């Protein structure tokens, strides 16, 4: 929810609704957990998201559990009726951690042609885009070049 720098009320409402109907959350203080996460996100920023990804990579999840992670991620991304590039990028990071196949994920991904909300339809990428590898360009590159030794040949 926070990977786009904002937690929309619709995203919170989605998680609360899901926690009421899904047995997975039975007996959990979802409101308290969400408040704790929001506090941690505000204190830690991006390192909280990296910590989440690290925890996810270390979890031993069944195929069904991995599909549930994908389903929740997609539904949360779409909950505020717009899809941001940062959300797709974070989804791709989650996807890269999981061992399930693209074929297993495809039925979960939204088809923009089936979306009625105009704003969401306009921002939702085609299914394949969710699974394409992202281009990674680091903020700083170590070019392995000593610029002190570069000489301009003035012939």
N, C-alpha and C. Protein backbone atom coordinates (compact mmCIF):
# COMPACT_ATOMS: atom_id res chain seq x y z
N UNK A 1 0.81 -1.21 0.00
CA UNK A 1 0.00 0.00 0.00
C UNK A 1 0.84 1.26 0.00
N UNK A 2 2.00 1.20 0.59
CA UNK A 2 2.79 2.42 0.77
C UNK A 2 3.88 2.61 -0.27
N UNK A 3 4.06 1.67 -1.18
CA UNK A 3 5.18 1.76 -2.12
C UNK A 3 5.04 2.92 -3.09
N UNK A 4 3.85 3.52 -3.19
CA UNK A 4 3.70 4.69 -4.06
C UNK A 4 3.78 5.99 -3.26
N UNK A 5 4.15 5.89 -1.98
CA UNK A 5 4.31 7.07 -1.14
C UNK A 5 3.02 7.55 -0.52
N UNK A 6 1.95 6.79 -0.68
CA UNK A 6 0.65 7.19 -0.15
C UNK A 6 -0.13 5.93 0.21
N UNK A 7 -0.88 6.03 1.30
CA UNK A 7 -1.80 4.95 1.65
C UNK A 7 -3.20 5.52 1.49
N UNK A 8 -3.87 5.10 0.45
CA UNK A 8 -5.21 5.61 0.14
C UNK A 8 -6.24 5.00 1.09
N UNK A 9 -7.26 5.76 1.45
CA UNK A 9 -8.33 5.22 2.31
C UNK A 9 -8.97 3.96 1.70
N UNK A 10 -9.05 3.89 0.38
CA UNK A 10 -9.62 2.71 -0.27
C UNK A 10 -8.76 1.47 -0.04
N UNK A 11 -7.46 1.67 0.06
CA UNK A 11 -6.56 0.54 0.32
C UNK A 11 -6.75 0.02 1.74
N UNK A 12 -6.88 0.92 2.69
CA UNK A 12 -7.14 0.53 4.08
C UNK A 12 -8.49 -0.18 4.16
N UNK A 13 -9.51 0.37 3.50
CA UNK A 13 -10.84 -0.23 3.51
C UNK A 13 -10.80 -1.64 2.91
N UNK A 14 -10.02 -1.81 1.84
CA UNK A 14 -9.89 -3.13 1.22
C UNK A 14 -9.30 -4.13 2.20
N UNK A 15 -8.22 -3.76 2.87
CA UNK A 15 -7.58 -4.68 3.81
C UNK A 15 -8.52 -5.01 4.97
N UNK A 16 -9.22 -4.02 5.48
CA UNK A 16 -10.17 -4.28 6.57
C UNK A 16 -11.28 -5.22 6.12
N UNK A 17 -11.83 -4.97 4.93
CA UNK A 17 -12.90 -5.82 4.40
C UNK A 17 -12.40 -7.25 4.21
N UNK A 18 -11.22 -7.37 3.63
CA UNK A 18 -10.64 -8.68 3.41
C UNK A 18 -10.44 -9.42 4.73
N UNK A 19 -10.02 -8.69 5.75
CA UNK A 19 -9.76 -9.33 7.05
C UNK A 19 -11.05 -9.82 7.70
N UNK A 20 -12.17 -9.21 7.33
CA UNK A 20 -13.46 -9.63 7.89
C UNK A 20 -13.99 -10.89 7.22
N UNK A 21 -13.64 -11.11 5.96
CA UNK A 21 -14.22 -12.24 5.24
C UNK A 21 -13.27 -13.42 5.04
N UNK A 22 -11.97 -13.21 5.19
CA UNK A 22 -11.00 -14.26 4.94
C UNK A 22 -10.59 -14.91 6.26
N UNK A 23 -10.68 -16.22 6.30
CA UNK A 23 -10.32 -16.99 7.51
C UNK A 23 -8.85 -16.78 7.92
N UNK A 24 -8.02 -16.41 6.97
CA UNK A 24 -6.60 -16.20 7.22
C UNK A 24 -6.36 -15.18 8.33
N UNK A 25 -7.27 -14.22 8.46
CA UNK A 25 -7.10 -13.13 9.41
C UNK A 25 -7.92 -13.31 10.68
N UNK A 26 -8.57 -14.43 10.83
CA UNK A 26 -9.43 -14.67 11.99
C UNK A 26 -8.62 -14.55 13.29
N UNK A 27 -9.14 -13.75 14.20
CA UNK A 27 -8.51 -13.58 15.50
C UNK A 27 -7.37 -12.57 15.53
N UNK A 28 -7.08 -11.96 14.40
CA UNK A 28 -6.00 -10.98 14.35
C UNK A 28 -6.55 -9.58 14.59
N UNK A 29 -5.75 -8.75 15.24
CA UNK A 29 -6.10 -7.34 15.41
C UNK A 29 -5.58 -6.59 14.19
N UNK A 30 -6.32 -6.66 13.10
CA UNK A 30 -5.88 -6.10 11.83
C UNK A 30 -5.68 -4.60 11.95
N UNK A 31 -6.59 -3.93 12.62
CA UNK A 31 -6.48 -2.47 12.79
C UNK A 31 -5.18 -2.12 13.53
N UNK A 32 -4.87 -2.86 14.58
CA UNK A 32 -3.65 -2.62 15.34
C UNK A 32 -2.41 -2.91 14.51
N UNK A 33 -2.46 -3.99 13.74
CA UNK A 33 -1.33 -4.34 12.88
C UNK A 33 -1.11 -3.26 11.82
N UNK A 34 -2.20 -2.80 11.19
CA UNK A 34 -2.09 -1.74 10.18
C UNK A 34 -1.51 -0.46 10.78
N UNK A 35 -2.00 -0.10 11.96
CA UNK A 35 -1.47 1.10 12.62
C UNK A 35 0.01 0.95 12.93
N UNK A 36 0.42 -0.23 13.35
CA UNK A 36 1.83 -0.49 13.62
C UNK A 36 2.67 -0.38 12.36
N UNK A 37 2.15 -0.95 11.26
CA UNK A 37 2.86 -0.86 9.99
C UNK A 37 2.99 0.59 9.52
N UNK A 38 1.91 1.35 9.64
CA UNK A 38 1.95 2.75 9.23
C UNK A 38 3.00 3.50 10.03
N UNK A 39 3.05 3.26 11.34
CA UNK A 39 4.07 3.91 12.18
C UNK A 39 5.48 3.52 11.73
N UNK A 40 5.67 2.24 11.46
CA UNK A 40 6.99 1.77 11.01
C UNK A 40 7.37 2.38 9.66
N UNK A 41 6.40 2.46 8.76
CA UNK A 41 6.65 3.05 7.44
C UNK A 41 7.05 4.51 7.60
N UNK A 42 6.33 5.23 8.46
CA UNK A 42 6.64 6.64 8.67
C UNK A 42 8.02 6.82 9.29
N UNK A 43 8.44 5.90 10.14
CA UNK A 43 9.75 6.00 10.79
C UNK A 43 10.88 5.52 9.89
N UNK A 44 10.63 4.43 9.16
CA UNK A 44 11.70 3.77 8.42
C UNK A 44 11.69 4.02 6.92
N UNK A 45 10.56 4.44 6.39
CA UNK A 45 10.46 4.70 4.95
C UNK A 45 10.75 3.47 4.12
N UNK A 46 11.59 3.63 3.12
CA UNK A 46 11.91 2.56 2.18
C UNK A 46 12.55 1.35 2.83
N UNK A 47 13.23 1.53 3.93
CA UNK A 47 13.86 0.38 4.58
C UNK A 47 12.81 -0.58 5.13
N UNK A 48 11.62 -0.06 5.48
CA UNK A 48 10.53 -0.95 5.91
C UNK A 48 10.12 -1.86 4.76
N UNK A 49 9.98 -1.28 3.56
CA UNK A 49 9.60 -2.08 2.39
C UNK A 49 10.67 -3.11 2.06
N UNK A 50 11.93 -2.73 2.18
CA UNK A 50 13.02 -3.69 1.95
C UNK A 50 13.00 -4.80 2.99
N UNK A 51 12.67 -4.45 4.22
CA UNK A 51 12.56 -5.44 5.28
C UNK A 51 11.43 -6.43 4.98
N UNK A 52 10.31 -5.89 4.50
CA UNK A 52 9.18 -6.76 4.12
C UNK A 52 9.62 -7.74 3.03
N UNK A 53 10.29 -7.23 2.01
CA UNK A 53 10.75 -8.09 0.92
C UNK A 53 11.74 -9.14 1.42
N UNK A 54 12.59 -8.75 2.34
CA UNK A 54 13.55 -9.70 2.91
C UNK A 54 12.82 -10.79 3.69
N UNK A 55 11.84 -10.39 4.50
CA UNK A 55 11.05 -11.38 5.25
C UNK A 55 10.32 -12.32 4.30
N UNK A 56 9.75 -11.76 3.25
CA UNK A 56 9.02 -12.58 2.28
C UNK A 56 9.96 -13.57 1.60
N UNK A 57 11.16 -13.14 1.29
CA UNK A 57 12.11 -14.03 0.61
C UNK A 57 12.56 -15.19 1.50
N UNK A 58 12.51 -14.99 2.80
CA UNK A 58 12.92 -16.03 3.74
C UNK A 58 11.77 -16.96 4.15
N UNK A 59 10.54 -16.56 3.86
CA UNK A 59 9.39 -17.38 4.24
C UNK A 59 9.28 -18.60 3.33
N UNK A 60 8.92 -19.72 3.93
CA UNK A 60 8.70 -20.93 3.15
C UNK A 60 7.20 -21.04 2.90
N UNK A 61 6.78 -20.61 1.71
CA UNK A 61 5.37 -20.54 1.38
C UNK A 61 5.00 -21.63 0.38
N UNK A 62 3.82 -22.21 0.58
CA UNK A 62 3.30 -23.17 -0.38
C UNK A 62 2.88 -22.43 -1.65
N UNK A 63 2.57 -23.18 -2.68
CA UNK A 63 2.10 -22.57 -3.92
C UNK A 63 0.83 -21.75 -3.66
N UNK A 64 -0.10 -22.30 -2.90
CA UNK A 64 -1.34 -21.57 -2.59
C UNK A 64 -1.07 -20.30 -1.81
N UNK A 65 -0.13 -20.35 -0.88
CA UNK A 65 0.21 -19.15 -0.10
C UNK A 65 0.87 -18.09 -0.99
N UNK A 66 1.72 -18.53 -1.91
CA UNK A 66 2.34 -17.59 -2.84
C UNK A 66 1.28 -16.94 -3.74
N UNK A 67 0.33 -17.73 -4.20
CA UNK A 67 -0.76 -17.18 -5.01
C UNK A 67 -1.60 -16.20 -4.20
N UNK A 68 -1.78 -16.47 -2.93
CA UNK A 68 -2.52 -15.54 -2.05
C UNK A 68 -1.75 -14.22 -1.92
N UNK A 69 -0.44 -14.28 -1.79
CA UNK A 69 0.38 -13.06 -1.74
C UNK A 69 0.18 -12.25 -3.02
N UNK A 70 0.22 -12.92 -4.16
CA UNK A 70 0.02 -12.25 -5.45
C UNK A 70 -1.37 -11.64 -5.52
N UNK A 71 -2.38 -12.40 -5.14
CA UNK A 71 -3.77 -11.93 -5.20
C UNK A 71 -3.96 -10.70 -4.33
N UNK A 72 -3.44 -10.75 -3.12
CA UNK A 72 -3.59 -9.60 -2.20
C UNK A 72 -2.85 -8.39 -2.74
N UNK A 73 -1.65 -8.60 -3.28
CA UNK A 73 -0.88 -7.49 -3.83
C UNK A 73 -1.63 -6.82 -4.97
N UNK A 74 -2.15 -7.62 -5.90
CA UNK A 74 -2.86 -7.06 -7.05
C UNK A 74 -4.12 -6.33 -6.60
N UNK A 75 -4.89 -6.94 -5.73
CA UNK A 75 -6.14 -6.32 -5.29
C UNK A 75 -5.87 -5.04 -4.49
N UNK A 76 -4.80 -5.02 -3.72
CA UNK A 76 -4.45 -3.81 -2.97
C UNK A 76 -4.01 -2.71 -3.92
N UNK A 77 -3.22 -3.05 -4.91
CA UNK A 77 -2.77 -2.07 -5.90
C UNK A 77 -3.97 -1.43 -6.61
N UNK A 78 -4.98 -2.23 -6.89
CA UNK A 78 -6.12 -1.74 -7.65
C UNK A 78 -7.20 -1.10 -6.78
N UNK A 79 -7.08 -1.23 -5.47
CA UNK A 79 -8.14 -0.78 -4.55
C UNK A 79 -8.47 0.70 -4.67
N UNK A 80 -7.48 1.54 -4.97
CA UNK A 80 -7.74 2.99 -5.05
C UNK A 80 -8.08 3.44 -6.48
N UNK A 81 -8.37 2.47 -7.34
CA UNK A 81 -8.81 2.73 -8.72
C UNK A 81 -7.78 3.44 -9.59
N UNK A 82 -6.51 3.23 -9.27
CA UNK A 82 -5.44 3.70 -10.15
C UNK A 82 -4.22 2.83 -9.89
N UNK A 83 -3.46 2.63 -10.92
CA UNK A 83 -2.25 1.81 -10.81
C UNK A 83 -1.06 2.70 -11.12
N UNK A 84 -0.18 2.84 -10.15
CA UNK A 84 1.02 3.66 -10.29
C UNK A 84 2.19 2.77 -10.72
N UNK A 85 3.13 3.36 -11.45
CA UNK A 85 4.32 2.61 -11.86
C UNK A 85 5.07 2.05 -10.65
N UNK A 86 5.15 2.82 -9.58
CA UNK A 86 5.86 2.35 -8.38
C UNK A 86 5.21 1.10 -7.80
N UNK A 87 3.89 0.99 -7.94
CA UNK A 87 3.19 -0.20 -7.45
C UNK A 87 3.51 -1.42 -8.31
N UNK A 88 3.55 -1.22 -9.62
CA UNK A 88 3.91 -2.32 -10.53
C UNK A 88 5.35 -2.75 -10.26
N UNK A 89 6.22 -1.78 -10.06
CA UNK A 89 7.62 -2.07 -9.78
C UNK A 89 7.76 -2.89 -8.49
N UNK A 90 7.00 -2.50 -7.45
CA UNK A 90 7.04 -3.24 -6.19
C UNK A 90 6.45 -4.64 -6.38
N UNK A 91 5.37 -4.74 -7.16
CA UNK A 91 4.79 -6.04 -7.47
C UNK A 91 5.84 -6.94 -8.13
N UNK A 92 6.60 -6.37 -9.05
CA UNK A 92 7.63 -7.15 -9.74
C UNK A 92 8.70 -7.62 -8.76
N UNK A 93 9.01 -6.80 -7.78
CA UNK A 93 9.97 -7.23 -6.75
C UNK A 93 9.41 -8.40 -5.96
N UNK A 94 8.12 -8.31 -5.60
CA UNK A 94 7.48 -9.43 -4.90
C UNK A 94 7.52 -10.67 -5.78
N UNK A 95 7.15 -10.50 -7.05
CA UNK A 95 7.10 -11.61 -7.99
C UNK A 95 8.47 -12.28 -8.11
N UNK A 96 9.52 -11.50 -8.12
CA UNK A 96 10.87 -12.06 -8.29
C UNK A 96 11.29 -12.93 -7.11
N UNK A 97 10.67 -12.74 -5.98
CA UNK A 97 11.00 -13.50 -4.78
C UNK A 97 10.30 -14.86 -4.76
N UNK A 98 9.15 -14.94 -5.38
CA UNK A 98 8.33 -16.14 -5.32
C UNK A 98 8.76 -17.16 -6.36
N UNK A 99 8.47 -18.42 -6.08
CA UNK A 99 8.91 -19.50 -6.98
C UNK A 99 7.80 -20.01 -7.89
N UNK A 100 6.63 -19.45 -7.84
CA UNK A 100 5.54 -19.92 -8.70
C UNK A 100 5.74 -19.41 -10.13
N UNK A 101 5.10 -20.09 -11.06
CA UNK A 101 5.30 -19.76 -12.48
C UNK A 101 4.41 -18.60 -12.92
N UNK A 102 4.81 -17.98 -14.02
CA UNK A 102 3.99 -16.93 -14.62
C UNK A 102 2.63 -17.49 -15.03
N UNK A 103 2.60 -18.73 -15.48
CA UNK A 103 1.35 -19.36 -15.88
C UNK A 103 0.37 -19.45 -14.71
N UNK A 104 0.90 -19.67 -13.51
CA UNK A 104 0.04 -19.72 -12.32
C UNK A 104 -0.47 -18.33 -11.94
N UNK A 105 0.32 -17.32 -12.24
CA UNK A 105 -0.03 -15.94 -11.85
C UNK A 105 -1.00 -15.29 -12.84
N UNK A 106 -0.88 -15.62 -14.12
CA UNK A 106 -1.68 -14.96 -15.16
C UNK A 106 -3.18 -14.89 -14.86
N UNK A 107 -3.82 -15.96 -14.38
CA UNK A 107 -5.26 -15.86 -14.12
C UNK A 107 -5.63 -14.84 -13.03
N UNK A 108 -4.69 -14.51 -12.17
CA UNK A 108 -4.95 -13.56 -11.08
C UNK A 108 -4.86 -12.12 -11.57
N UNK A 109 -4.04 -11.89 -12.57
CA UNK A 109 -3.79 -10.53 -13.04
C UNK A 109 -5.01 -9.95 -13.75
N UNK A 110 -5.22 -8.65 -13.58
CA UNK A 110 -6.40 -8.03 -14.19
C UNK A 110 -6.25 -7.87 -15.70
N UNK A 111 -7.37 -7.96 -16.38
CA UNK A 111 -7.42 -7.71 -17.81
C UNK A 111 -8.04 -6.33 -17.99
N UNK A 112 -7.28 -5.35 -18.46
CA UNK A 112 -7.82 -3.99 -18.58
C UNK A 112 -9.13 -3.91 -19.37
N UNK A 113 -9.32 -4.81 -20.33
CA UNK A 113 -10.56 -4.80 -21.12
C UNK A 113 -11.79 -5.12 -20.28
N UNK A 114 -11.59 -5.79 -19.15
CA UNK A 114 -12.71 -6.17 -18.29
C UNK A 114 -13.00 -5.16 -17.19
N UNK A 115 -12.20 -4.11 -17.09
CA UNK A 115 -12.35 -3.12 -16.02
C UNK A 115 -13.34 -2.04 -16.46
N UNK A 116 -14.31 -1.78 -15.59
CA UNK A 116 -15.33 -0.78 -15.92
C UNK A 116 -14.93 0.63 -15.50
N UNK A 117 -14.25 0.77 -14.37
CA UNK A 117 -13.85 2.09 -13.89
C UNK A 117 -12.87 2.70 -14.88
N UNK A 118 -13.23 3.85 -15.42
CA UNK A 118 -12.45 4.49 -16.49
C UNK A 118 -11.04 4.86 -16.01
N UNK A 119 -10.94 5.40 -14.80
CA UNK A 119 -9.63 5.81 -14.27
C UNK A 119 -8.72 4.59 -14.08
N UNK A 120 -9.28 3.52 -13.52
CA UNK A 120 -8.50 2.31 -13.30
C UNK A 120 -8.13 1.66 -14.64
N UNK A 121 -9.08 1.61 -15.54
CA UNK A 121 -8.83 1.02 -16.87
C UNK A 121 -7.68 1.74 -17.57
N UNK A 122 -7.64 3.06 -17.43
CA UNK A 122 -6.62 3.87 -18.10
C UNK A 122 -5.23 3.65 -17.52
N UNK A 123 -5.14 3.26 -16.26
CA UNK A 123 -3.83 3.12 -15.62
C UNK A 123 -3.38 1.67 -15.46
N UNK A 124 -4.29 0.73 -15.67
CA UNK A 124 -3.95 -0.69 -15.47
C UNK A 124 -3.25 -1.24 -16.70
N UNK A 125 -2.05 -1.77 -16.52
CA UNK A 125 -1.32 -2.31 -17.67
C UNK A 125 -1.88 -3.66 -18.09
N UNK A 126 -1.52 -4.08 -19.29
CA UNK A 126 -1.86 -5.41 -19.77
C UNK A 126 -1.22 -6.45 -18.85
N UNK A 127 -1.80 -7.64 -18.82
CA UNK A 127 -1.32 -8.70 -17.94
C UNK A 127 0.18 -8.95 -18.08
N UNK A 128 0.65 -8.97 -19.29
CA UNK A 128 2.06 -9.30 -19.53
C UNK A 128 3.01 -8.30 -18.89
N UNK A 129 2.59 -7.03 -18.83
CA UNK A 129 3.45 -5.97 -18.28
C UNK A 129 3.76 -6.24 -16.81
N UNK A 130 2.80 -6.80 -16.09
CA UNK A 130 3.01 -7.11 -14.68
C UNK A 130 4.17 -8.09 -14.49
N UNK A 131 4.40 -8.92 -15.49
CA UNK A 131 5.39 -10.00 -15.36
C UNK A 131 6.71 -9.73 -16.07
N UNK A 132 6.75 -8.71 -16.92
CA UNK A 132 8.00 -8.39 -17.60
C UNK A 132 9.06 -7.96 -16.60
N UNK A 133 10.31 -8.34 -16.82
CA UNK A 133 11.36 -7.86 -15.92
C UNK A 133 11.49 -6.35 -16.03
N UNK A 134 11.81 -5.72 -14.93
CA UNK A 134 11.98 -4.28 -14.91
C UNK A 134 13.43 -3.95 -15.24
N UNK A 135 13.64 -2.82 -15.84
CA UNK A 135 14.98 -2.35 -16.11
C UNK A 135 15.53 -1.79 -14.80
N UNK A 136 16.68 -2.26 -14.41
CA UNK A 136 17.28 -1.77 -13.18
C UNK A 136 18.43 -0.86 -13.51
N UNK A 137 18.32 0.37 -13.10
CA UNK A 137 19.39 1.33 -13.27
C UNK A 137 19.73 1.86 -11.89
N UNK A 138 20.90 1.53 -11.37
CA UNK A 138 21.24 2.01 -10.03
C UNK A 138 21.40 3.52 -10.01
N UNK A 139 21.17 4.10 -8.84
CA UNK A 139 21.32 5.54 -8.69
C UNK A 139 22.75 5.99 -8.93
N UNK A 140 23.69 5.11 -8.60
CA UNK A 140 25.10 5.44 -8.76
C UNK A 140 25.79 4.25 -9.39
N UNK A 141 26.53 4.46 -10.40
CA UNK A 141 27.26 3.38 -11.05
C UNK A 141 28.74 3.53 -10.77
N UNK A 142 29.38 2.42 -10.49
CA UNK A 142 30.82 2.39 -10.35
C UNK A 142 31.37 1.95 -11.70
N UNK A 143 31.86 2.89 -12.45
CA UNK A 143 32.27 2.62 -13.82
C UNK A 143 33.60 1.89 -13.90
N UNK A 144 34.25 1.67 -12.78
CA UNK A 144 35.56 1.02 -12.75
C UNK A 144 36.55 1.74 -13.66
N UNK A 145 36.48 3.05 -13.67
CA UNK A 145 37.38 3.86 -14.47
C UNK A 145 37.99 4.91 -13.55
N UNK A 146 39.29 5.06 -13.69
CA UNK A 146 39.94 6.14 -12.95
C UNK A 146 39.97 7.35 -13.87
N UNK A 147 39.12 8.32 -13.58
CA UNK A 147 39.02 9.48 -14.45
C UNK A 147 40.27 10.35 -14.42
N UNK A 148 41.11 10.17 -13.44
CA UNK A 148 42.35 10.94 -13.38
C UNK A 148 43.30 10.55 -14.51
N UNK A 149 43.15 9.32 -15.01
CA UNK A 149 44.07 8.86 -16.04
C UNK A 149 43.57 9.12 -17.46
N UNK A 150 42.41 9.65 -17.62
CA UNK A 150 41.88 9.95 -18.96
C UNK A 150 42.62 11.17 -19.50
N UNK A 151 43.09 11.03 -20.71
CA UNK A 151 43.83 12.12 -21.34
C UNK A 151 43.15 12.46 -22.65
N UNK A 152 43.16 13.73 -22.96
CA UNK A 152 42.64 14.20 -24.25
C UNK A 152 43.80 14.28 -25.20
N UNK A 153 43.72 13.55 -26.27
CA UNK A 153 44.81 13.52 -27.25
C UNK A 153 44.66 14.74 -28.15
N UNK A 154 45.63 15.65 -28.11
CA UNK A 154 45.55 16.90 -28.87
C UNK A 154 46.44 16.85 -30.12
N UNK A 155 46.46 15.85 -30.82
CA UNK A 155 47.29 15.72 -32.02
C UNK A 155 46.93 16.69 -33.06
